[in-house]
Amino acid sequence: MKSYDEVYSKDEFYWRREPNQLCKRAVELVTSENKGKIIELSCGEGKDIIHFARNGFDTVGVDVSQPGLQKAQK
């Protein structure tokens, strides 16, 4: 089995680039006054945490894979 460092080092995204349906629904349900902080452990390439950040949440993504975090920062 390949490590996440190996798969995240490739140019293409390992996971879908779309945030998962639960994240999309959570953003829809939260009012602008209730947006707070979100910490995502094992954020990988960051698709879900980026979705929250783009929608006004204060976010932190954590992962052990440097290539995954670097891809998320782009």
PDB file of N, CA and C in Angstrom:
ATOM      1  N   MET A   1       0.845  -1.179   0.000  1.00  0.00           N
ATOM      2  CA  MET A   1       0.000   0.000   0.000  1.00  0.00           C
ATOM      3  C   MET A   1       0.892   1.245   0.000  1.00  0.00           C
ATOM      4  N   LYS A   2       0.551   2.201  -0.828  1.00  0.00           N
ATOM      5  CA  LYS A   2       1.316   3.442  -0.903  1.00  0.00           C
ATOM      6  C   LYS A   2       0.982   4.338   0.288  1.00  0.00           C
ATOM      7  N   SER A   3       1.966   5.123   0.690  1.00  0.00           N
ATOM      8  CA  SER A   3       1.732   6.071   1.778  1.00  0.00           C
ATOM      9  C   SER A   3       1.001   7.296   1.222  1.00  0.00           C
ATOM     10  N   TYR A   4       0.374   8.047   2.111  1.00  0.00           N
ATOM     11  CA  TYR A   4      -0.294   9.267   1.672  1.00  0.00           C
ATOM     12  C   TYR A   4       0.707  10.272   1.123  1.00  0.00           C
ATOM     13  N   ASP A   5       1.919  10.299   1.666  1.00  0.00           N
ATOM     14  CA  ASP A   5       2.937  11.184   1.113  1.00  0.00           C
ATOM     15  C   ASP A   5       3.160  10.887  -0.367  1.00  0.00           C
ATOM     16  N   GLU A   6       3.188   9.597  -0.709  1.00  0.00           N
ATOM     17  CA  GLU A   6       3.396   9.217  -2.116  1.00  0.00           C
ATOM     18  C   GLU A   6       2.241   9.664  -3.007  1.00  0.00           C
ATOM     19  N   VAL A   7       1.021   9.384  -2.584  1.00  0.00           N
ATOM     20  CA  VAL A   7      -0.127   9.716  -3.439  1.00  0.00           C
ATOM     21  C   VAL A   7      -0.408  11.214  -3.473  1.00  0.00           C
ATOM     22  N   TYR A   8      -0.150  11.920  -2.374  1.00  0.00           N
ATOM     23  CA  TYR A   8      -0.370  13.364  -2.361  1.00  0.00           C
ATOM     24  C   TYR A   8       0.711  14.120  -3.130  1.00  0.00           C
ATOM     25  N   SER A   9       1.857  13.498  -3.347  1.00  0.00           N
ATOM     26  CA  SER A   9       2.949  14.144  -4.077  1.00  0.00           C
ATOM     27  C   SER A   9       2.671  14.261  -5.569  1.00  0.00           C
ATOM     28  N   LYS A  10       1.710  13.505  -6.062  1.00  0.00           N
ATOM     29  CA  LYS A  10       1.371  13.569  -7.488  1.00  0.00           C
ATOM     30  C   LYS A  10       0.595  14.849  -7.783  1.00  0.00           C
ATOM     31  N   ASP A  11       0.644  15.299  -9.025  1.00  0.00           N
ATOM     32  CA  ASP A  11      -0.043  16.534  -9.415  1.00  0.00           C
ATOM     33  C   ASP A  11      -1.553  16.441  -9.257  1.00  0.00           C
ATOM     34  N   GLU A  12      -2.130  15.303  -9.606  1.00  0.00           N
ATOM     35  CA  GLU A  12      -3.583  15.169  -9.511  1.00  0.00           C
ATOM     36  C   GLU A  12      -3.990  14.938  -8.052  1.00  0.00           C
ATOM     37  N   PHE A  13      -5.239  15.228  -7.781  1.00  0.00           N
ATOM     38  CA  PHE A  13      -5.756  15.039  -6.429  1.00  0.00           C
ATOM     39  C   PHE A  13      -6.114  13.574  -6.219  1.00  0.00           C
ATOM     40  N   TYR A  14      -5.792  13.050  -5.055  1.00  0.00           N
ATOM     41  CA  TYR A  14      -6.085  11.653  -4.707  1.00  0.00           C
ATOM     42  C   TYR A  14      -7.579  11.483  -4.436  1.00  0.00           C
ATOM     43  N   TRP A  15      -8.141  12.408  -3.686  1.00  0.00           N
ATOM     44  CA  TRP A  15      -9.562  12.371  -3.361  1.00  0.00           C
ATOM     45  C   TRP A  15     -10.306  13.290  -4.328  1.00  0.00           C
ATOM     46  N   ARG A  16     -11.616  13.164  -4.360  1.00  0.00           N
ATOM     47  CA  ARG A  16     -12.417  14.104  -5.158  1.00  0.00           C
ATOM     48  C   ARG A  16     -12.127  15.519  -4.681  1.00  0.00           C
ATOM     49  N   ARG A  17     -12.207  16.467  -5.561  1.00  0.00           N
ATOM     50  CA  ARG A  17     -11.942  17.864  -5.165  1.00  0.00           C
ATOM     51  C   ARG A  17     -13.164  18.495  -4.515  1.00  0.00           C
ATOM     52  N   GLU A  18     -14.312  17.880  -4.662  1.00  0.00           N
ATOM     53  CA  GLU A  18     -15.556  18.389  -4.062  1.00  0.00           C
ATOM     54  C   GLU A  18     -15.600  18.051  -2.575  1.00  0.00           C
ATOM     55  N   PRO A  19     -16.052  18.964  -1.736  1.00  0.00           N
ATOM     56  CA  PRO A  19     -16.243  18.616  -0.324  1.00  0.00           C
ATOM     57  C   PRO A  19     -17.351  17.572  -0.201  1.00  0.00           C
ATOM     58  N   ASN A  20     -17.325  16.814   0.875  1.00  0.00           N
ATOM     59  CA  ASN A  20     -18.353  15.779   1.021  1.00  0.00           C
ATOM     60  C   ASN A  20     -19.714  16.416   1.332  1.00  0.00           C
ATOM     61  N   GLN A  21     -20.747  15.636   1.148  1.00  0.00           N
ATOM     62  CA  GLN A  21     -22.121  16.139   1.286  1.00  0.00           C
ATOM     63  C   GLN A  21     -22.428  16.637   2.698  1.00  0.00           C
ATOM     64  N   LEU A  22     -21.858  16.013   3.713  1.00  0.00           N
ATOM     65  CA  LEU A  22     -22.083  16.452   5.091  1.00  0.00           C
ATOM     66  C   LEU A  22     -21.530  17.867   5.310  1.00  0.00           C
ATOM     67  N   CYS A  23     -20.364  18.147   4.758  1.00  0.00           N
ATOM     68  CA  CYS A  23     -19.778  19.493   4.880  1.00  0.00           C
ATOM     69  C   CYS A  23     -20.641  20.522   4.158  1.00  0.00           C
ATOM     70  N   LYS A  24     -21.085  20.173   2.973  1.00  0.00           N
ATOM     71  CA  LYS A  24     -21.947  21.096   2.221  1.00  0.00           C
ATOM     72  C   LYS A  24     -23.218  21.393   3.000  1.00  0.00           C
ATOM     73  N   ARG A  25     -23.810  20.364   3.564  1.00  0.00           N
ATOM     74  CA  ARG A  25     -25.066  20.533   4.311  1.00  0.00           C
ATOM     75  C   ARG A  25     -24.837  21.358   5.583  1.00  0.00           C
ATOM     76  N   ALA A  26     -23.731  21.130   6.269  1.00  0.00           N
ATOM     77  CA  ALA A  26     -23.426  21.881   7.488  1.00  0.00           C
ATOM     78  C   ALA A  26     -23.314  23.365   7.186  1.00  0.00           C
ATOM     79  N   VAL A  27     -22.657  23.713   6.076  1.00  0.00           N
ATOM     80  CA  VAL A  27     -22.528  25.120   5.688  1.00  0.00           C
ATOM     81  C   VAL A  27     -23.898  25.725   5.408  1.00  0.00           C
ATOM     82  N   GLU A  28     -24.773  24.967   4.781  1.00  0.00           N
ATOM     83  CA  GLU A  28     -26.122  25.458   4.480  1.00  0.00           C
ATOM     84  C   GLU A  28     -26.927  25.723   5.751  1.00  0.00           C
ATOM     85  N   LEU A  29     -26.720  24.915   6.785  1.00  0.00           N
ATOM     86  CA  LEU A  29     -27.535  24.999   7.998  1.00  0.00           C
ATOM     87  C   LEU A  29     -27.090  26.057   8.995  1.00  0.00           C
ATOM     88  N   VAL A  30     -25.840  26.459   8.938  1.00  0.00           N
ATOM     89  CA  VAL A  30     -25.309  27.398   9.922  1.00  0.00           C
ATOM     90  C   VAL A  30     -25.525  28.824   9.439  1.00  0.00           C
ATOM     91  N   THR A  31     -26.064  29.653  10.326  1.00  0.00           N
ATOM     92  CA  THR A  31     -26.277  31.060   9.975  1.00  0.00           C
ATOM     93  C   THR A  31     -24.961  31.822  10.099  1.00  0.00           C
ATOM     94  N   SER A  32     -24.908  32.975   9.477  1.00  0.00           N
ATOM     95  CA  SER A  32     -23.666  33.756   9.489  1.00  0.00           C
ATOM     96  C   SER A  32     -23.254  34.164  10.904  1.00  0.00           C
ATOM     97  N   GLU A  33     -24.205  34.328  11.814  1.00  0.00           N
ATOM     98  CA  GLU A  33     -23.882  34.714  13.189  1.00  0.00           C
ATOM     99  C   GLU A  33     -23.282  33.556  13.978  1.00  0.00           C
ATOM    100  N   ASN A  34     -23.503  32.330  13.540  1.00  0.00           N
ATOM    101  CA  ASN A  34     -23.066  31.155  14.297  1.00  0.00           C
ATOM    102  C   ASN A  34     -21.808  30.498  13.739  1.00  0.00           C
ATOM    103  N   LYS A  35     -21.195  31.099  12.738  1.00  0.00           N
ATOM    104  CA  LYS A  35     -19.992  30.485  12.174  1.00  0.00           C
ATOM    105  C   LYS A  35     -18.847  30.652  13.151  1.00  0.00           C
ATOM    106  N   GLY A  36     -18.225  29.550  13.486  1.00  0.00           N
ATOM    107  CA  GLY A  36     -17.149  29.583  14.468  1.00  0.00           C
ATOM    108  C   GLY A  36     -15.899  28.936  13.939  1.00  0.00           C
ATOM    109  N   LYS A  37     -15.207  28.249  14.822  1.00  0.00           N
ATOM    110  CA  LYS A  37     -13.941  27.619  14.480  1.00  0.00           C
ATOM    111  C   LYS A  37     -14.157  26.149  14.151  1.00  0.00           C
ATOM    112  N   ILE A  38     -13.390  25.680  13.176  1.00  0.00           N
ATOM    113  CA  ILE A  38     -13.428  24.268  12.801  1.00  0.00           C
ATOM    114  C   ILE A  38     -11.990  23.776  12.701  1.00  0.00           C
ATOM    115  N   ILE A  39     -11.725  22.657  13.345  1.00  0.00           N
ATOM    116  CA  ILE A  39     -10.437  21.989  13.226  1.00  0.00           C
ATOM    117  C   ILE A  39     -10.707  20.637  12.589  1.00  0.00           C
ATOM    118  N   GLU A  40     -10.017  20.363  11.501  1.00  0.00           N
ATOM    119  CA  GLU A  40     -10.167  19.065  10.847  1.00  0.00           C
ATOM    120  C   GLU A  40      -8.869  18.285  10.995  1.00  0.00           C
ATOM    121  N   LEU A  41      -8.959  17.161  11.702  1.00  0.00           N
ATOM    122  CA  LEU A  41      -7.819  16.272  11.846  1.00  0.00           C
ATOM    123  C   LEU A  41      -7.785  15.350  10.637  1.00  0.00           C
ATOM    124  N   SER A  42      -6.603  15.096  10.113  1.00  0.00           N
ATOM    125  CA  SER A  42      -6.423  14.274   8.903  1.00  0.00           C
ATOM    126  C   SER A  42      -7.088  14.936   7.709  1.00  0.00           C
ATOM    127  N   CYS A  43      -6.778  16.197   7.483  1.00  0.00           N
ATOM    128  CA  CYS A  43      -7.425  16.954   6.412  1.00  0.00           C
ATOM    129  C   CYS A  43      -6.903  16.601   5.025  1.00  0.00           C
ATOM    130  N   GLY A  44      -5.772  15.908   4.948  1.00  0.00           N
ATOM    131  CA  GLY A  44      -5.234  15.508   3.646  1.00  0.00           C
ATOM    132  C   GLY A  44      -4.997  16.686   2.739  1.00  0.00           C
ATOM    133  N   GLU A  45      -5.625  16.654   1.563  1.00  0.00           N
ATOM    134  CA  GLU A  45      -5.470  17.708   0.567  1.00  0.00           C
ATOM    135  C   GLU A  45      -6.369  18.907   0.839  1.00  0.00           C
ATOM    136  N   GLY A  46      -7.191  18.826   1.875  1.00  0.00           N
ATOM    137  CA  GLY A  46      -7.921  19.982   2.365  1.00  0.00           C
ATOM    138  C   GLY A  46      -9.275  20.296   1.754  1.00  0.00           C
ATOM    139  N   LYS A  47      -9.870  19.391   0.978  1.00  0.00           N
ATOM    140  CA  LYS A  47     -11.106  19.737   0.269  1.00  0.00           C
ATOM    141  C   LYS A  47     -12.238  20.166   1.204  1.00  0.00           C
ATOM    142  N   ASP A  48     -12.381  19.513   2.339  1.00  0.00           N
ATOM    143  CA  ASP A  48     -13.481  19.865   3.249  1.00  0.00           C
ATOM    144  C   ASP A  48     -13.171  21.135   4.045  1.00  0.00           C
ATOM    145  N   ILE A  49     -11.965  21.246   4.579  1.00  0.00           N
ATOM    146  CA  ILE A  49     -11.620  22.414   5.394  1.00  0.00           C
ATOM    147  C   ILE A  49     -11.583  23.680   4.544  1.00  0.00           C
ATOM    148  N   ILE A  50     -11.170  23.559   3.298  1.00  0.00           N
ATOM    149  CA  ILE A  50     -11.185  24.704   2.382  1.00  0.00           C
ATOM    150  C   ILE A  50     -12.615  25.162   2.125  1.00  0.00           C
ATOM    151  N   HIS A  51     -13.526  24.211   2.000  1.00  0.00           N
ATOM    152  CA  HIS A  51     -14.941  24.549   1.799  1.00  0.00           C
ATOM    153  C   HIS A  51     -15.473  25.378   2.967  1.00  0.00           C
ATOM    154  N   PHE A  52     -15.140  24.958   4.190  1.00  0.00           N
ATOM    155  CA  PHE A  52     -15.576  25.715   5.363  1.00  0.00           C
ATOM    156  C   PHE A  52     -14.942  27.110   5.380  1.00  0.00           C
ATOM    157  N   ALA A  53     -13.651  27.192   5.084  1.00  0.00           N
ATOM    158  CA  ALA A  53     -12.963  28.494   5.087  1.00  0.00           C
ATOM    159  C   ALA A  53     -13.567  29.442   4.059  1.00  0.00           C
ATOM    160  N   ARG A  54     -13.869  28.935   2.876  1.00  0.00           N
ATOM    161  CA  ARG A  54     -14.460  29.778   1.823  1.00  0.00           C
ATOM    162  C   ARG A  54     -15.852  30.270   2.196  1.00  0.00           C
ATOM    163  N   ASN A  55     -16.454  29.602   3.161  1.00  0.00           N
ATOM    164  CA  ASN A  55     -17.788  29.982   3.587  1.00  0.00           C
ATOM    165  C   ASN A  55     -17.805  30.677   4.936  1.00  0.00           C
ATOM    166  N   GLY A  56     -16.670  31.280   5.318  1.00  0.00           N
ATOM    167  CA  GLY A  56     -16.645  32.169   6.463  1.00  0.00           C
ATOM    168  C   GLY A  56     -16.272  31.582   7.805  1.00  0.00           C
ATOM    169  N   PHE A  57     -15.898  30.328   7.861  1.00  0.00           N
ATOM    170  CA  PHE A  57     -15.495  29.726   9.127  1.00  0.00           C
ATOM    171  C   PHE A  57     -14.015  29.980   9.370  1.00  0.00           C
ATOM    172  N   ASP A  58     -13.622  30.047  10.635  1.00  0.00           N
ATOM    173  CA  ASP A  58     -12.225  30.147  11.038  1.00  0.00           C
ATOM    174  C   ASP A  58     -11.710  28.710  11.106  1.00  0.00           C
ATOM    175  N   THR A  59     -10.789  28.336  10.225  1.00  0.00           N
ATOM    176  CA  THR A  59     -10.440  26.924  10.075  1.00  0.00           C
ATOM    177  C   THR A  59      -8.967  26.629  10.310  1.00  0.00           C
ATOM    178  N   VAL A  60      -8.719  25.395  10.756  1.00  0.00           N
ATOM    179  CA  VAL A  60      -7.373  24.849  10.882  1.00  0.00           C
ATOM    180  C   VAL A  60      -7.424  23.413  10.381  1.00  0.00           C
ATOM    181  N   GLY A  61      -6.544  23.090   9.449  1.00  0.00           N
ATOM    182  CA  GLY A  61      -6.436  21.721   8.960  1.00  0.00           C
ATOM    183  C   GLY A  61      -5.141  21.105   9.456  1.00  0.00           C
ATOM    184  N   VAL A  62      -5.218  19.879   9.947  1.00  0.00           N
ATOM    185  CA  VAL A  62      -4.066  19.181  10.504  1.00  0.00           C
ATOM    186  C   VAL A  62      -3.895  17.857   9.774  1.00  0.00           C
ATOM    187  N   ASP A  63      -2.658  17.517   9.431  1.00  0.00           N
ATOM    188  CA  ASP A  63      -2.374  16.234   8.806  1.00  0.00           C
ATOM    189  C   ASP A  63      -0.906  15.899   9.032  1.00  0.00           C
ATOM    190  N   VAL A  64      -0.553  14.617   8.967  1.00  0.00           N
ATOM    191  CA  VAL A  64       0.839  14.198   9.118  1.00  0.00           C
ATOM    192  C   VAL A  64       1.573  14.232   7.779  1.00  0.00           C
ATOM    193  N   SER A  65       0.852  14.376   6.684  1.00  0.00           N
ATOM    194  CA  SER A  65       1.466  14.361   5.357  1.00  0.00           C
ATOM    195  C   SER A  65       1.785  15.774   4.885  1.00  0.00           C
ATOM    196  N   GLN A  66       3.053  16.102   4.801  1.00  0.00           N
ATOM    197  CA  GLN A  66       3.465  17.417   4.303  1.00  0.00           C
ATOM    198  C   GLN A  66       3.002  17.649   2.862  1.00  0.00           C
ATOM    199  N   PRO A  67       3.149  16.670   1.946  1.00  0.00           N
ATOM    200  CA  PRO A  67       2.656  16.907   0.581  1.00  0.00           C
ATOM    201  C   PRO A  67       1.148  17.191   0.543  1.00  0.00           C
ATOM    202  N   GLY A  68       0.382  16.538   1.405  1.00  0.00           N
ATOM    203  CA  GLY A  68      -1.052  16.803   1.467  1.00  0.00           C
ATOM    204  C   GLY A  68      -1.329  18.222   1.930  1.00  0.00           C
ATOM    205  N   LEU A  69      -0.643  18.654   2.961  1.00  0.00           N
ATOM    206  CA  LEU A  69      -0.826  20.019   3.472  1.00  0.00           C
ATOM    207  C   LEU A  69      -0.372  21.068   2.469  1.00  0.00           C
ATOM    208  N   GLN A  70       0.710  20.783   1.760  1.00  0.00           N
ATOM    209  CA  GLN A  70       1.179  21.718   0.748  1.00  0.00           C
ATOM    210  C   GLN A  70       0.160  21.857  -0.380  1.00  0.00           C
ATOM    211  N   LYS A  71      -0.454  20.753  -0.760  1.00  0.00           N
ATOM    212  CA  LYS A  71      -1.480  20.800  -1.795  1.00  0.00           C
ATOM    213  C   LYS A  71      -2.692  21.576  -1.295  1.00  0.00           C
ATOM    214  N   ALA A  72      -3.054  21.402  -0.043  1.00  0.00           N
ATOM    215  CA  ALA A  72      -4.195  22.135   0.538  1.00  0.00           C
ATOM    216  C   ALA A  72      -3.924  23.639   0.560  1.00  0.00           C
ATOM    217  N   GLN A  73      -2.694  24.036   0.832  1.00  0.00           N
ATOM    218  CA  GLN A  73      -2.352  25.449   0.904  1.00  0.00           C
ATOM    219  C   GLN A  73      -2.435  26.124  -0.473  1.00  0.00           C
ATOM    220  N   LYS A  74      -2.201  25.365  -1.529  1.00  0.00           N
ATOM    221  CA  LYS A  74      -2.298  25.940  -2.883  1.00  0.00           C
ATOM    222  C   LYS A  74      -3.727  26.313  -3.165  1.00  0.00           C
TER     223      LYS A  74
END
